[in-house]
Each structure stands twice: as structure tokens, then as C-alpha cells.
Amino acid sequence: MATAKQLMAEAEKVLWRGAALITAADWDEEGEVSRVQVYFESDGEAVMDVIPVKDLIDNFPDEGVYVLDPAGKSDAESLRRVRLYESSENIHLRAVPGDEPCDDFGVTLPSVTFMEAVEKISQAVKGGRK
């Protein structure tokens, strides 16, 4: 498993090239991604946003989209490139080989809802609430 320092170094490489990095995803009842937490570079800083997956598909960066693989055995395996796959009915996000008509990052990501809760906990602690 890659270390936090290795994950950060790999993430920096793609962010500073203009790519986006998916770090969390919410899935709907049909097994499709509904929204994602993404990081991207803006004015020399890494910025995080939660967006509907349609917004990511509509604004898919030419530089690419990657998904963070926390189980990657090395820094080189810590990011997976995501591609768009158009099936007969939908456009899907896929980071694994194949043309299955479904979203598949090949990794288990935390949910966006979970990450939002972690952020709220962080803000409550910073604010001094007990």
C-alpha cells in the first residue's frame, strides 16, 4: 500500500497537469454514480468540490480524470485513469478494462455523504463546539 506521501506526490502530478481526481462517490439505487467529490487545480491550489456526475461528464477535462486507489500497492498504482464509456442508454465512468454498461472505478471509495460528515466534524472541532 502506498504511503500518504506517495499518494500526495502522485495526486500532485495529475492535478498540476489540469486533470481532476475523484476521491469519493455516491451511488444510486441502480448502481450508477450520482455525485462525486473531486479535487482539481485552481490558481495554484488544490480545490475540492462535490458535483453531480453529470457535471463531471459534461465538463470532462481533456487532461483526464483519475480515481484515488487507496489499496494501490505502490505509488504508480495509487491512481487509476477514468474514461467515459458510452453505452446504448448512458455514459458511464470506468477505470477498469471492459465495456460493461455500468460505472466501475475498480476500487471502493468512501461515499460523498461520509466525507461531508467528516468535514462537518472537522469544522465543529475547529469552531470549538462541544
N, C-alpha and C. Protein backbone atom coordinates (compact mmCIF):
# COMPACT_ATOMS: atom_id res chain seq x y z
N MET A 1 0.84 -1.18 0.00
CA MET A 1 0.00 0.00 0.00
C MET A 1 0.89 1.25 0.00
N ALA A 2 0.53 2.19 -0.84
CA ALA A 2 1.29 3.44 -0.93
C ALA A 2 1.12 4.25 0.35
N THR A 3 2.13 5.01 0.69
CA THR A 3 2.06 5.88 1.86
C THR A 3 1.30 7.16 1.51
N ALA A 4 0.92 7.91 2.54
CA ALA A 4 0.24 9.19 2.30
C ALA A 4 1.10 10.13 1.47
N LYS A 5 2.40 10.12 1.74
CA LYS A 5 3.32 10.97 0.99
C LYS A 5 3.36 10.56 -0.49
N GLN A 6 3.37 9.26 -0.75
CA GLN A 6 3.37 8.77 -2.13
C GLN A 6 2.05 9.11 -2.83
N LEU A 7 0.93 8.94 -2.13
CA LEU A 7 -0.37 9.28 -2.71
C LEU A 7 -0.43 10.76 -3.08
N MET A 8 0.07 11.59 -2.17
CA MET A 8 0.07 13.03 -2.43
C MET A 8 0.94 13.38 -3.64
N ALA A 9 2.11 12.75 -3.74
CA ALA A 9 3.00 13.03 -4.87
C ALA A 9 2.35 12.65 -6.19
N GLU A 10 1.68 11.51 -6.22
CA GLU A 10 1.00 11.09 -7.46
C GLU A 10 -0.17 12.01 -7.77
N ALA A 11 -0.91 12.41 -6.76
CA ALA A 11 -2.04 13.31 -6.97
C ALA A 11 -1.57 14.66 -7.51
N GLU A 12 -0.46 15.17 -6.97
CA GLU A 12 0.07 16.44 -7.45
C GLU A 12 0.40 16.37 -8.94
N LYS A 13 0.97 15.27 -9.37
CA LYS A 13 1.35 15.13 -10.79
C LYS A 13 0.15 15.34 -11.70
N VAL A 14 -0.98 14.73 -11.37
CA VAL A 14 -2.14 14.86 -12.26
C VAL A 14 -2.87 16.18 -12.07
N LEU A 15 -2.94 16.67 -10.83
CA LEU A 15 -3.64 17.93 -10.60
C LEU A 15 -2.97 19.09 -11.29
N TRP A 16 -1.63 19.15 -11.22
CA TRP A 16 -0.93 20.29 -11.82
C TRP A 16 -0.92 20.20 -13.34
N ARG A 17 -1.26 19.05 -13.89
CA ARG A 17 -1.42 18.92 -15.35
C ARG A 17 -2.80 19.38 -15.80
N GLY A 18 -3.70 19.60 -14.86
CA GLY A 18 -5.06 20.03 -15.21
C GLY A 18 -6.10 18.94 -15.13
N ALA A 19 -5.71 17.76 -14.67
CA ALA A 19 -6.65 16.64 -14.53
C ALA A 19 -7.44 16.80 -13.23
N ALA A 20 -8.51 16.04 -13.11
CA ALA A 20 -9.32 16.01 -11.89
C ALA A 20 -9.09 14.68 -11.19
N LEU A 21 -9.31 14.67 -9.87
CA LEU A 21 -9.09 13.48 -9.06
C LEU A 21 -10.34 13.19 -8.24
N ILE A 22 -10.95 12.03 -8.47
CA ILE A 22 -12.13 11.61 -7.72
C ILE A 22 -11.66 10.94 -6.43
N THR A 23 -12.21 11.40 -5.30
CA THR A 23 -11.81 10.84 -4.01
C THR A 23 -12.98 10.20 -3.25
N ALA A 24 -14.21 10.43 -3.71
CA ALA A 24 -15.38 9.82 -3.08
C ALA A 24 -16.52 9.81 -4.10
N ALA A 25 -17.47 8.89 -3.90
CA ALA A 25 -18.60 8.79 -4.84
C ALA A 25 -19.84 8.30 -4.12
N ASP A 26 -20.99 8.84 -4.51
CA ASP A 26 -22.28 8.34 -4.06
C ASP A 26 -22.92 7.57 -5.20
N TRP A 27 -23.52 6.44 -4.89
CA TRP A 27 -24.14 5.57 -5.88
C TRP A 27 -25.64 5.55 -5.65
N ASP A 28 -26.42 5.53 -6.73
CA ASP A 28 -27.87 5.47 -6.60
C ASP A 28 -28.35 4.02 -6.54
N GLU A 29 -29.66 3.85 -6.47
CA GLU A 29 -30.24 2.51 -6.34
C GLU A 29 -29.96 1.60 -7.55
N GLU A 30 -29.72 2.19 -8.70
CA GLU A 30 -29.45 1.41 -9.91
C GLU A 30 -27.97 1.06 -10.06
N GLY A 31 -27.16 1.47 -9.09
CA GLY A 31 -25.74 1.17 -9.15
C GLY A 31 -24.94 2.15 -9.99
N GLU A 32 -25.51 3.30 -10.26
CA GLU A 32 -24.83 4.32 -11.03
C GLU A 32 -24.31 5.41 -10.09
N VAL A 33 -23.19 6.02 -10.45
CA VAL A 33 -22.65 7.11 -9.65
C VAL A 33 -23.57 8.32 -9.81
N SER A 34 -23.95 8.93 -8.69
CA SER A 34 -24.83 10.10 -8.76
C SER A 34 -24.08 11.41 -8.52
N ARG A 35 -23.09 11.39 -7.62
CA ARG A 35 -22.26 12.58 -7.41
C ARG A 35 -20.89 12.13 -6.93
N VAL A 36 -19.93 13.03 -7.13
CA VAL A 36 -18.55 12.71 -6.79
C VAL A 36 -17.92 13.87 -6.05
N GLN A 37 -16.93 13.53 -5.25
CA GLN A 37 -16.07 14.54 -4.64
C GLN A 37 -14.82 14.56 -5.50
N VAL A 38 -14.49 15.73 -6.04
CA VAL A 38 -13.33 15.84 -6.92
C VAL A 38 -12.39 16.93 -6.42
N TYR A 39 -11.12 16.71 -6.71
CA TYR A 39 -10.09 17.72 -6.48
C TYR A 39 -9.58 18.15 -7.85
N PHE A 40 -9.25 19.43 -7.97
CA PHE A 40 -8.69 19.98 -9.19
C PHE A 40 -7.85 21.18 -8.83
N GLU A 41 -7.01 21.60 -9.74
CA GLU A 41 -6.14 22.75 -9.50
C GLU A 41 -6.85 24.03 -9.92
N SER A 42 -6.75 25.04 -9.08
CA SER A 42 -7.29 26.35 -9.40
C SER A 42 -6.39 27.40 -8.77
N ASP A 43 -5.83 28.26 -9.61
CA ASP A 43 -4.93 29.32 -9.14
C ASP A 43 -3.80 28.79 -8.26
N GLY A 44 -3.24 27.66 -8.67
CA GLY A 44 -2.08 27.10 -7.97
C GLY A 44 -2.40 26.34 -6.70
N GLU A 45 -3.68 26.11 -6.43
CA GLU A 45 -4.07 25.37 -5.23
C GLU A 45 -4.96 24.20 -5.60
N ALA A 46 -4.93 23.17 -4.76
CA ALA A 46 -5.85 22.04 -4.93
C ALA A 46 -7.18 22.44 -4.29
N VAL A 47 -8.24 22.33 -5.06
CA VAL A 47 -9.57 22.72 -4.62
C VAL A 47 -10.47 21.49 -4.65
N MET A 48 -11.32 21.35 -3.64
CA MET A 48 -12.26 20.23 -3.59
C MET A 48 -13.67 20.74 -3.83
N ASP A 49 -14.45 19.93 -4.56
CA ASP A 49 -15.85 20.27 -4.78
C ASP A 49 -16.64 18.98 -4.86
N VAL A 50 -17.91 19.05 -4.49
CA VAL A 50 -18.84 17.94 -4.65
C VAL A 50 -19.77 18.33 -5.79
N ILE A 51 -19.82 17.47 -6.81
CA ILE A 51 -20.60 17.80 -8.00
C ILE A 51 -21.43 16.60 -8.46
N PRO A 52 -22.55 16.87 -9.12
CA PRO A 52 -23.29 15.77 -9.74
C PRO A 52 -22.42 15.15 -10.84
N VAL A 53 -22.56 13.86 -11.02
CA VAL A 53 -21.72 13.18 -12.01
C VAL A 53 -21.97 13.73 -13.41
N LYS A 54 -23.18 14.21 -13.67
CA LYS A 54 -23.48 14.80 -14.98
C LYS A 54 -22.57 15.99 -15.26
N ASP A 55 -22.30 16.80 -14.23
CA ASP A 55 -21.40 17.95 -14.41
C ASP A 55 -19.99 17.50 -14.77
N LEU A 56 -19.53 16.41 -14.16
CA LEU A 56 -18.20 15.89 -14.49
C LEU A 56 -18.18 15.39 -15.93
N ILE A 57 -19.21 14.66 -16.31
CA ILE A 57 -19.27 14.12 -17.69
C ILE A 57 -19.34 15.27 -18.70
N ASP A 58 -20.18 16.27 -18.43
CA ASP A 58 -20.33 17.40 -19.35
C ASP A 58 -19.06 18.24 -19.46
N ASN A 59 -18.24 18.26 -18.40
CA ASN A 59 -17.04 19.09 -18.38
C ASN A 59 -15.79 18.24 -18.19
N PHE A 60 -15.80 17.04 -18.76
CA PHE A 60 -14.69 16.10 -18.60
C PHE A 60 -13.41 16.74 -19.14
N PRO A 61 -12.40 16.94 -18.28
CA PRO A 61 -11.20 17.64 -18.74
C PRO A 61 -10.40 16.84 -19.76
N ASP A 62 -9.86 17.53 -20.75
CA ASP A 62 -9.00 16.88 -21.75
C ASP A 62 -7.79 16.23 -21.10
N GLU A 63 -7.33 16.78 -19.98
CA GLU A 63 -6.15 16.26 -19.28
C GLU A 63 -6.45 14.99 -18.51
N GLY A 64 -7.74 14.64 -18.40
CA GLY A 64 -8.12 13.38 -17.79
C GLY A 64 -8.74 13.51 -16.41
N VAL A 65 -9.27 12.38 -15.98
CA VAL A 65 -9.84 12.23 -14.64
C VAL A 65 -9.25 10.95 -14.08
N TYR A 66 -8.89 11.01 -12.81
CA TYR A 66 -8.31 9.85 -12.13
C TYR A 66 -9.10 9.57 -10.87
N VAL A 67 -9.03 8.34 -10.41
CA VAL A 67 -9.64 7.97 -9.15
C VAL A 67 -8.52 7.53 -8.21
N LEU A 68 -8.62 7.97 -6.97
CA LEU A 68 -7.63 7.61 -5.97
C LEU A 68 -7.87 6.18 -5.52
N ASP A 69 -6.85 5.34 -5.62
CA ASP A 69 -6.95 3.93 -5.23
C ASP A 69 -6.17 3.74 -3.92
N PRO A 70 -6.86 3.80 -2.78
CA PRO A 70 -6.15 3.68 -1.51
C PRO A 70 -5.50 2.32 -1.30
N ALA A 71 -5.89 1.33 -2.07
CA ALA A 71 -5.31 -0.01 -1.94
C ALA A 71 -4.17 -0.25 -2.91
N GLY A 72 -3.79 0.76 -3.69
CA GLY A 72 -2.68 0.60 -4.63
C GLY A 72 -1.43 0.15 -3.91
N LYS A 73 -0.77 -0.84 -4.47
CA LYS A 73 0.40 -1.42 -3.81
C LYS A 73 1.63 -0.52 -3.87
N SER A 74 1.65 0.43 -4.79
CA SER A 74 2.78 1.35 -4.91
C SER A 74 2.25 2.70 -5.36
N ASP A 75 3.14 3.68 -5.37
CA ASP A 75 2.70 5.00 -5.82
C ASP A 75 2.21 4.97 -7.26
N ALA A 76 2.82 4.16 -8.09
CA ALA A 76 2.41 4.07 -9.50
C ALA A 76 1.02 3.47 -9.65
N GLU A 77 0.56 2.71 -8.67
CA GLU A 77 -0.76 2.08 -8.73
C GLU A 77 -1.79 2.82 -7.88
N SER A 78 -1.43 3.99 -7.35
CA SER A 78 -2.33 4.69 -6.45
C SER A 78 -3.40 5.51 -7.16
N LEU A 79 -3.24 5.72 -8.45
CA LEU A 79 -4.26 6.42 -9.24
C LEU A 79 -4.66 5.56 -10.43
N ARG A 80 -5.94 5.57 -10.72
CA ARG A 80 -6.45 4.86 -11.90
C ARG A 80 -7.09 5.89 -12.83
N ARG A 81 -6.76 5.82 -14.10
CA ARG A 81 -7.35 6.75 -15.07
C ARG A 81 -8.79 6.34 -15.35
N VAL A 82 -9.68 7.31 -15.35
CA VAL A 82 -11.10 7.10 -15.60
C VAL A 82 -11.39 7.48 -17.05
N ARG A 83 -12.18 6.68 -17.70
CA ARG A 83 -12.58 7.01 -19.07
C ARG A 83 -14.10 7.06 -19.15
N LEU A 84 -14.57 7.73 -20.17
CA LEU A 84 -16.00 7.75 -20.44
C LEU A 84 -16.32 6.60 -21.37
N TYR A 85 -17.37 5.86 -21.04
CA TYR A 85 -17.84 4.79 -21.92
C TYR A 85 -19.30 5.05 -22.22
N GLU A 86 -19.61 5.15 -23.51
CA GLU A 86 -20.98 5.42 -23.91
C GLU A 86 -21.66 4.11 -24.28
N SER A 87 -22.67 3.74 -23.48
CA SER A 87 -23.46 2.55 -23.80
C SER A 87 -24.65 3.01 -24.64
N SER A 88 -25.53 2.09 -24.94
CA SER A 88 -26.68 2.45 -25.78
C SER A 88 -27.63 3.42 -25.07
N GLU A 89 -27.58 3.46 -23.72
CA GLU A 89 -28.51 4.32 -23.00
C GLU A 89 -27.85 5.44 -22.19
N ASN A 90 -26.62 5.24 -21.76
CA ASN A 90 -25.98 6.19 -20.85
C ASN A 90 -24.51 6.36 -21.17
N ILE A 91 -23.92 7.35 -20.51
CA ILE A 91 -22.47 7.49 -20.50
C ILE A 91 -22.02 7.07 -19.11
N HIS A 92 -21.02 6.20 -19.05
CA HIS A 92 -20.55 5.66 -17.78
C HIS A 92 -19.11 6.07 -17.54
N LEU A 93 -18.73 6.10 -16.26
CA LEU A 93 -17.35 6.33 -15.85
C LEU A 93 -16.73 4.97 -15.55
N ARG A 94 -15.60 4.68 -16.19
CA ARG A 94 -14.96 3.38 -15.98
C ARG A 94 -13.46 3.56 -15.82
N ALA A 95 -12.92 2.88 -14.80
CA ALA A 95 -11.47 2.88 -14.58
C ALA A 95 -10.91 1.48 -14.73
N VAL A 96 -11.73 0.57 -15.19
CA VAL A 96 -11.30 -0.81 -15.38
C VAL A 96 -11.53 -1.19 -16.84
N PRO A 97 -10.79 -2.15 -17.33
CA PRO A 97 -11.00 -2.57 -18.72
C PRO A 97 -12.40 -3.14 -18.93
N GLY A 98 -12.86 -3.10 -20.14
CA GLY A 98 -14.15 -3.67 -20.47
C GLY A 98 -15.16 -2.61 -20.85
N ASP A 99 -16.22 -3.04 -21.44
CA ASP A 99 -17.26 -2.14 -21.90
C ASP A 99 -18.60 -2.50 -21.29
N GLU A 100 -18.59 -2.79 -19.99
CA GLU A 100 -19.84 -3.10 -19.29
C GLU A 100 -20.67 -1.82 -19.19
N PRO A 101 -21.96 -1.91 -19.37
CA PRO A 101 -22.81 -0.71 -19.28
C PRO A 101 -23.09 -0.31 -17.84
N CYS A 102 -22.02 0.02 -17.11
CA CYS A 102 -22.17 0.45 -15.72
C CYS A 102 -20.96 1.27 -15.33
N ASP A 103 -21.09 2.00 -14.22
CA ASP A 103 -19.96 2.75 -13.67
C ASP A 103 -19.10 1.78 -12.88
N ASP A 104 -17.79 1.88 -13.02
CA ASP A 104 -16.90 0.99 -12.28
C ASP A 104 -15.54 1.65 -12.14
N PHE A 105 -15.18 2.01 -10.90
CA PHE A 105 -13.88 2.62 -10.65
C PHE A 105 -12.82 1.58 -10.32
N GLY A 106 -13.25 0.34 -10.06
CA GLY A 106 -12.30 -0.71 -9.73
C GLY A 106 -11.78 -0.62 -8.32
N VAL A 107 -12.29 0.32 -7.54
CA VAL A 107 -11.90 0.49 -6.14
C VAL A 107 -13.15 0.84 -5.34
N THR A 108 -13.08 0.61 -4.06
CA THR A 108 -14.15 1.03 -3.17
C THR A 108 -13.77 2.39 -2.59
N LEU A 109 -14.57 3.37 -2.91
CA LEU A 109 -14.34 4.73 -2.41
C LEU A 109 -15.31 5.01 -1.27
N PRO A 110 -14.95 5.91 -0.36
CA PRO A 110 -15.93 6.33 0.63
C PRO A 110 -17.04 7.10 -0.07
N SER A 111 -18.19 7.17 0.58
CA SER A 111 -19.28 7.93 -0.02
C SER A 111 -19.04 9.42 0.17
N VAL A 112 -19.62 10.21 -0.70
CA VAL A 112 -19.53 11.66 -0.58
C VAL A 112 -20.20 12.08 0.73
N THR A 113 -21.31 11.45 1.05
CA THR A 113 -22.03 11.76 2.28
C THR A 113 -21.13 11.56 3.50
N PHE A 114 -20.37 10.46 3.52
CA PHE A 114 -19.43 10.20 4.61
C PHE A 114 -18.38 11.30 4.69
N MET A 115 -17.81 11.67 3.54
CA MET A 115 -16.76 12.68 3.53
C MET A 115 -17.31 14.05 3.95
N GLU A 116 -18.57 14.35 3.60
CA GLU A 116 -19.19 15.60 4.05
C GLU A 116 -19.35 15.59 5.57
N ALA A 117 -19.71 14.44 6.14
CA ALA A 117 -19.84 14.33 7.59
C ALA A 117 -18.48 14.54 8.26
N VAL A 118 -17.42 13.97 7.69
CA VAL A 118 -16.08 14.16 8.24
C VAL A 118 -15.72 15.64 8.22
N GLU A 119 -16.04 16.33 7.14
CA GLU A 119 -15.76 17.76 7.04
C GLU A 119 -16.53 18.55 8.10
N LYS A 120 -17.79 18.20 8.31
CA LYS A 120 -18.59 18.89 9.33
C LYS A 120 -18.02 18.65 10.72
N ILE A 121 -17.56 17.43 10.98
CA ILE A 121 -16.92 17.14 12.26
C ILE A 121 -15.67 18.00 12.41
N SER A 122 -14.89 18.10 11.36
CA SER A 122 -13.67 18.91 11.38
C SER A 122 -13.99 20.37 11.67
N GLN A 123 -15.02 20.88 11.04
CA GLN A 123 -15.41 22.28 11.25
C GLN A 123 -15.93 22.51 12.65
N ALA A 124 -16.67 21.55 13.20
CA ALA A 124 -17.20 21.69 14.56
C ALA A 124 -16.06 21.72 15.57
N VAL A 125 -15.05 20.90 15.37
CA VAL A 125 -13.91 20.88 16.27
C VAL A 125 -13.13 22.19 16.16
N LYS A 126 -12.94 22.69 14.95
CA LYS A 126 -12.22 23.96 14.76
C LYS A 126 -12.96 25.10 15.42
N GLY A 127 -14.27 25.06 15.37
CA GLY A 127 -15.09 26.13 15.94
C GLY A 127 -15.20 26.07 17.46
N GLY A 128 -14.70 25.02 18.05
CA GLY A 128 -14.72 24.92 19.49
C GLY A 128 -16.04 24.44 20.08
N ARG A 129 -16.95 23.95 19.26
CA ARG A 129 -18.21 23.41 19.79
C ARG A 129 -17.94 22.09 20.48
N LYS A 130 -18.71 21.83 21.50
CA LYS A 130 -18.56 20.58 22.25
C LYS A 130 -19.82 19.80 22.21
